C-alpha atoms as a PDB file:
ATOM      1  CA  UNK A   1      58.667  -9.252  40.784  1.00  0.00           C
ATOM      2  CA  UNK A   2      57.795  -5.998  41.674  1.00  0.00           C
ATOM      3  CA  UNK A   3      54.812  -6.158  39.258  1.00  0.00           C
ATOM      4  CA  UNK A   4      53.277  -9.189  41.315  1.00  0.00           C
ATOM      5  CA  UNK A   5      53.907  -7.832  44.744  1.00  0.00           C
ATOM      6  CA  UNK A   6      50.356  -7.140  46.178  1.00  0.00           C
ATOM      7  CA  UNK A   7      51.569  -7.035  49.819  1.00  0.00           C
ATOM      8  CA  UNK A   8      53.777  -3.915  48.780  1.00  0.00           C
ATOM      9  CA  UNK A   9      56.581  -5.488  50.602  1.00  0.00           C
ATOM     10  CA  UNK A  10      60.043  -4.036  49.174  1.00  0.00           C
ATOM     11  CA  UNK A  11      62.934  -5.964  46.916  1.00  0.00           C
ATOM     12  CA  UNK A  12      65.439  -7.588  48.262  1.00  0.00           C
ATOM     13  CA  UNK A  13      69.014  -6.677  47.156  1.00  0.00           C
ATOM     14  CA  UNK A  14      71.934  -8.754  48.057  1.00  0.00           C
ATOM     15  CA  UNK A  15      75.035  -7.379  48.449  1.00  0.00           C
ATOM     16  CA  UNK A  16      77.477  -8.342  45.570  1.00  0.00           C
ATOM     17  CA  UNK A  17      79.602 -10.857  45.927  1.00  0.00           C
ATOM     18  CA  UNK A  18      82.731  -9.941  43.399  1.00  0.00           C
ATOM     19  CA  UNK A  19      85.323 -12.423  45.065  1.00  0.00           C
ATOM     20  CA  UNK A  20      82.902 -15.678  45.093  1.00  0.00           C
ATOM     21  CA  UNK A  21      82.110 -14.602  41.110  1.00  0.00           C
ATOM     22  CA  UNK A  22      85.708 -14.263  40.597  1.00  0.00           C
ATOM     23  CA  UNK A  23      86.610 -17.903  41.929  1.00  0.00           C
ATOM     24  CA  UNK A  24      83.726 -19.319  40.933  1.00  0.00           C
ATOM     25  CA  UNK A  25      84.570 -18.006  37.189  1.00  0.00           C
ATOM     26  CA  UNK A  26      87.906 -19.528  37.497  1.00  0.00           C
ATOM     27  CA  UNK A  27      86.741 -23.122  39.172  1.00  0.00           C
ATOM     28  CA  UNK A  28      86.953 -25.768  36.603  1.00  0.00           C
ATOM     29  CA  UNK A  29      86.558 -29.213  38.512  1.00  0.00           C
ATOM     30  CA  UNK A  30      84.307 -29.750  41.779  1.00  0.00           C
ATOM     31  CA  UNK A  31      87.540 -29.882  44.130  1.00  0.00           C
ATOM     32  CA  UNK A  32      87.964 -26.147  42.569  1.00  0.00           C
ATOM     33  CA  UNK A  33      84.477 -25.340  43.615  1.00  0.00           C
ATOM     34  CA  UNK A  34      85.132 -27.158  47.028  1.00  0.00           C
ATOM     35  CA  UNK A  35      87.987 -24.479  47.309  1.00  0.00           C
ATOM     36  CA  UNK A  36      85.986 -21.719  46.697  1.00  0.00           C
ATOM     37  CA  UNK A  37      83.288 -23.205  49.290  1.00  0.00           C
ATOM     38  CA  UNK A  38      86.125 -23.183  51.773  1.00  0.00           C
ATOM     39  CA  UNK A  39      87.245 -20.323  51.284  1.00  0.00           C
ATOM     40  CA  UNK A  40      83.514 -18.552  51.554  1.00  0.00           C
ATOM     41  CA  UNK A  41      81.284 -20.655  53.644  1.00  0.00           C
ATOM     42  CA  UNK A  42      78.765 -18.259  53.800  1.00  0.00           C
ATOM     43  CA  UNK A  43      78.005 -17.656  50.658  1.00  0.00           C
ATOM     44  CA  UNK A  44      74.749 -19.437  49.128  1.00  0.00           C
ATOM     45  CA  UNK A  45      75.898 -18.673  45.558  1.00  0.00           C
ATOM     46  CA  UNK A  46      79.317 -20.779  46.574  1.00  0.00           C
ATOM     47  CA  UNK A  47      77.317 -23.669  47.578  1.00  0.00           C
ATOM     48  CA  UNK A  48      74.265 -23.573  45.037  1.00  0.00           C
ATOM     49  CA  UNK A  49      77.119 -23.876  42.582  1.00  0.00           C
ATOM     50  CA  UNK A  50      79.075 -26.745  44.527  1.00  0.00           C
ATOM     51  CA  UNK A  51      75.207 -28.492  45.063  1.00  0.00           C
ATOM     52  CA  UNK A  52      74.340 -28.337  41.782  1.00  0.00           C
ATOM     53  CA  UNK A  53      77.752 -29.550  40.532  1.00  0.00           C
ATOM     54  CA  UNK A  54      77.475 -32.498  42.988  1.00  0.00           C
ATOM     55  CA  UNK A  55      73.459 -33.200  42.917  1.00  0.00           C
ATOM     56  CA  UNK A  56      73.375 -36.747  40.674  1.00  0.00           C
ATOM     57  CA  UNK A  57      70.298 -39.537  40.562  1.00  0.00           C
ATOM     58  CA  UNK A  58      71.953 -41.844  41.365  1.00  0.00           C
ATOM     59  CA  UNK A  59      73.652 -40.394  44.776  1.00  0.00           C
ATOM     60  CA  UNK A  60      70.803 -37.455  45.762  1.00  0.00           C
ATOM     61  CA  UNK A  61      72.094 -37.233  49.526  1.00  0.00           C
ATOM     62  CA  UNK A  62      75.338 -35.578  49.215  1.00  0.00           C
ATOM     63  CA  UNK A  63      73.506 -33.146  46.929  1.00  0.00           C
ATOM     64  CA  UNK A  64      70.725 -32.587  48.646  1.00  0.00           C
ATOM     65  CA  UNK A  65      73.013 -32.440  51.926  1.00  0.00           C
ATOM     66  CA  UNK A  66      74.951 -29.041  50.012  1.00  0.00           C
ATOM     67  CA  UNK A  67      71.308 -27.563  48.728  1.00  0.00           C
ATOM     68  CA  UNK A  68      70.324 -27.612  52.054  1.00  0.00           C
ATOM     69  CA  UNK A  69      73.359 -25.708  53.780  1.00  0.00           C
ATOM     70  CA  UNK A  70      72.858 -23.438  50.563  1.00  0.00           C
ATOM     71  CA  UNK A  71      69.222 -22.499  51.031  1.00  0.00           C
ATOM     72  CA  UNK A  72      70.145 -21.880  54.778  1.00  0.00           C
ATOM     73  CA  UNK A  73      73.169 -19.655  54.280  1.00  0.00           C
ATOM     74  CA  UNK A  74      70.758 -17.714  51.786  1.00  0.00           C
ATOM     75  CA  UNK A  75      68.521 -17.160  54.318  1.00  0.00           C
ATOM     76  CA  UNK A  76      71.371 -15.780  56.672  1.00  0.00           C
ATOM     77  CA  UNK A  77      72.053 -13.589  53.722  1.00  0.00           C
ATOM     78  CA  UNK A  78      68.587 -12.507  52.905  1.00  0.00           C
ATOM     79  CA  UNK A  79      67.678 -11.942  57.133  1.00  0.00           C
ATOM     80  CA  UNK A  80      71.102  -9.928  57.100  1.00  0.00           C
ATOM     81  CA  UNK A  81      69.908  -7.766  54.154  1.00  0.00           C
ATOM     82  CA  UNK A  82      66.444  -6.876  55.989  1.00  0.00           C
ATOM     83  CA  UNK A  83      64.163  -9.685  54.567  1.00  0.00           C
ATOM     84  CA  UNK A  84      61.250 -10.643  56.719  1.00  0.00           C
ATOM     85  CA  UNK A  85      60.152 -13.962  55.443  1.00  0.00           C
ATOM     86  CA  UNK A  86      58.004 -12.705  52.988  1.00  0.00           C
ATOM     87  CA  UNK A  87      58.513 -10.199  49.357  1.00  0.00           C
ATOM     88  CA  UNK A  88      60.307 -10.340  46.191  1.00  0.00           C
ATOM     89  CA  UNK A  89      63.871 -11.250  45.558  1.00  0.00           C
ATOM     90  CA  UNK A  90      64.370 -10.536  42.159  1.00  0.00           C
ATOM     91  CA  UNK A  91      66.546 -12.620  39.626  1.00  0.00           C
ATOM     92  CA  UNK A  92      67.459  -9.168  37.659  1.00  0.00           C
ATOM     93  CA  UNK A  93      69.480  -7.853  40.948  1.00  0.00           C
ATOM     94  CA  UNK A  94      72.460 -10.166  40.338  1.00  0.00           C
ATOM     95  CA  UNK A  95      73.934 -10.355  43.835  1.00  0.00           C
ATOM     96  CA  UNK A  96      70.449 -12.369  44.722  1.00  0.00           C
ATOM     97  CA  UNK A  97      70.981 -15.370  42.166  1.00  0.00           C
ATOM     98  CA  UNK A  98      73.022 -17.356  44.416  1.00  0.00           C
ATOM     99  CA  UNK A  99      70.057 -17.839  46.937  1.00  0.00           C
ATOM    100  CA  UNK A 100      67.267 -18.593  43.897  1.00  0.00           C
ATOM    101  CA  UNK A 101      69.964 -20.974  42.610  1.00  0.00           C
ATOM    102  CA  UNK A 102      70.225 -22.741  46.200  1.00  0.00           C
ATOM    103  CA  UNK A 103      66.167 -22.557  46.493  1.00  0.00           C
ATOM    104  CA  UNK A 104      66.088 -24.314  43.079  1.00  0.00           C
ATOM    105  CA  UNK A 105      68.787 -27.098  43.819  1.00  0.00           C
ATOM    106  CA  UNK A 106      67.154 -28.100  47.438  1.00  0.00           C
ATOM    107  CA  UNK A 107      63.970 -28.290  45.499  1.00  0.00           C
ATOM    108  CA  UNK A 108      65.434 -30.514  42.715  1.00  0.00           C
ATOM    109  CA  UNK A 109      67.286 -32.478  45.215  1.00  0.00           C
ATOM    110  CA  UNK A 110      63.872 -32.524  47.509  1.00  0.00           C
ATOM    111  CA  UNK A 111      62.278 -34.007  44.626  1.00  0.00           C
ATOM    112  CA  UNK A 112      65.358 -36.737  44.013  1.00  0.00           C
ATOM    113  CA  UNK A 113      64.550 -38.320  47.342  1.00  0.00           C
ATOM    114  CA  UNK A 114      60.916 -37.962  47.524  1.00  0.00           C
ATOM    115  CA  UNK A 115      60.235 -35.306  49.541  1.00  0.00           C
ATOM    116  CA  UNK A 116      56.868 -34.083  47.687  1.00  0.00           C
ATOM    117  CA  UNK A 117      55.874 -31.662  50.957  1.00  0.00           C
ATOM    118  CA  UNK A 118      59.362 -29.675  50.817  1.00  0.00           C
ATOM    119  CA  UNK A 119      59.448 -29.658  46.839  1.00  0.00           C
ATOM    120  CA  UNK A 120      55.833 -27.736  46.839  1.00  0.00           C
ATOM    121  CA  UNK A 121      57.138 -25.719  49.403  1.00  0.00           C
ATOM    122  CA  UNK A 122      60.352 -24.443  47.812  1.00  0.00           C
ATOM    123  CA  UNK A 123      58.153 -24.639  44.308  1.00  0.00           C
ATOM    124  CA  UNK A 124      56.309 -21.802  46.159  1.00  0.00           C
ATOM    125  CA  UNK A 125      59.334 -20.080  47.705  1.00  0.00           C
ATOM    126  CA  UNK A 126      60.543 -19.664  44.486  1.00  0.00           C
ATOM    127  CA  UNK A 127      57.344 -18.415  43.071  1.00  0.00           C
ATOM    128  CA  UNK A 128      57.071 -15.598  45.112  1.00  0.00           C
ATOM    129  CA  UNK A 129      60.555 -14.589  45.156  1.00  0.00           C
ATOM    130  CA  UNK A 130      60.582 -14.374  41.425  1.00  0.00           C
ATOM    131  CA  UNK A 131      57.958 -16.239  39.172  1.00  0.00           C
ATOM    132  CA  UNK A 132      60.533 -15.926  36.092  1.00  0.00           C
ATOM    133  CA  UNK A 133      63.658 -17.321  38.451  1.00  0.00           C
ATOM    134  CA  UNK A 134      62.816 -21.414  37.997  1.00  0.00           C
ATOM    135  CA  UNK A 135      62.369 -21.168  34.296  1.00  0.00           C
ATOM    136  CA  UNK A 136      65.684 -18.560  34.053  1.00  0.00           C
ATOM    137  CA  UNK A 137      67.673 -21.394  36.310  1.00  0.00           C
ATOM    138  CA  UNK A 138      66.863 -24.061  33.847  1.00  0.00           C
ATOM    139  CA  UNK A 139      68.438 -22.136  31.191  1.00  0.00           C
ATOM    140  CA  UNK A 140      71.816 -21.241  33.148  1.00  0.00           C
ATOM    141  CA  UNK A 141      74.445 -22.006  30.714  1.00  0.00           C
ATOM    142  CA  UNK A 142      72.582 -21.723  27.536  1.00  0.00           C
ATOM    143  CA  UNK A 143      71.975 -18.391  24.955  1.00  0.00           C
ATOM    144  CA  UNK A 144      68.601 -18.860  25.375  1.00  0.00           C
ATOM    145  CA  UNK A 145      66.066 -16.489  27.592  1.00  0.00           C
ATOM    146  CA  UNK A 146      62.875 -18.032  29.357  1.00  0.00           C
ATOM    147  CA  UNK A 147      59.787 -17.565  26.718  1.00  0.00           C
ATOM    148  CA  UNK A 148      57.078 -14.780  27.653  1.00  0.00           C
ATOM    149  CA  UNK A 149      54.656 -16.069  28.864  1.00  0.00           C
ATOM    150  CA  UNK A 150      52.237 -14.674  26.063  1.00  0.00           C
ATOM    151  CA  UNK A 151      53.927 -15.284  23.071  1.00  0.00           C
ATOM    152  CA  UNK A 152      52.605 -14.040  19.355  1.00  0.00           C
ATOM    153  CA  UNK A 153      54.055 -15.200  16.093  1.00  0.00           C
ATOM    154  CA  UNK A 154      52.936 -14.291  12.637  1.00  0.00           C
ATOM    155  CA  UNK A 155      53.224 -16.573   9.570  1.00  0.00           C
ATOM    156  CA  UNK A 156      53.410 -15.019   6.206  1.00  0.00           C
ATOM    157  CA  UNK A 157      53.254 -16.278   2.767  1.00  0.00           C
ATOM    158  CA  UNK A 158      51.182 -16.553  -0.173  1.00  0.00           C
ATOM    159  CA  UNK A 159      47.674 -17.994   0.123  1.00  0.00           C
END
């Protein structure tokens, strides 16, 4: 996030993929998502959604493989947008979410296969990209927002 950007490296903003967004919105099944991936093989978002959908603890290798492709498509997209291996990739810029979801999916898949060094590396990558991304990804599909880092509450009533 910009306020934590001590290196002064500019934020990376990926271009929108409206056709991918629309196709994924209409995808009801894994097969539908696979069709989106085939139609848009360079899209980190399409690959990330596919990886998220097929990743399962009982057979994690398929999800890991798809997440690995999503990760590499994400790196390709970042480099094309001028990213040089460091700097913020803010969640607030919606087109960046595919890359951040790819990182998270690969992190989750690596954890399932016991690749602890990769989990630690991806945790750091996600924090460096946007320290709120992991919490936001975990809440996808819910109506909740991540809690602020500090939260206060007041209880009022009679003594």
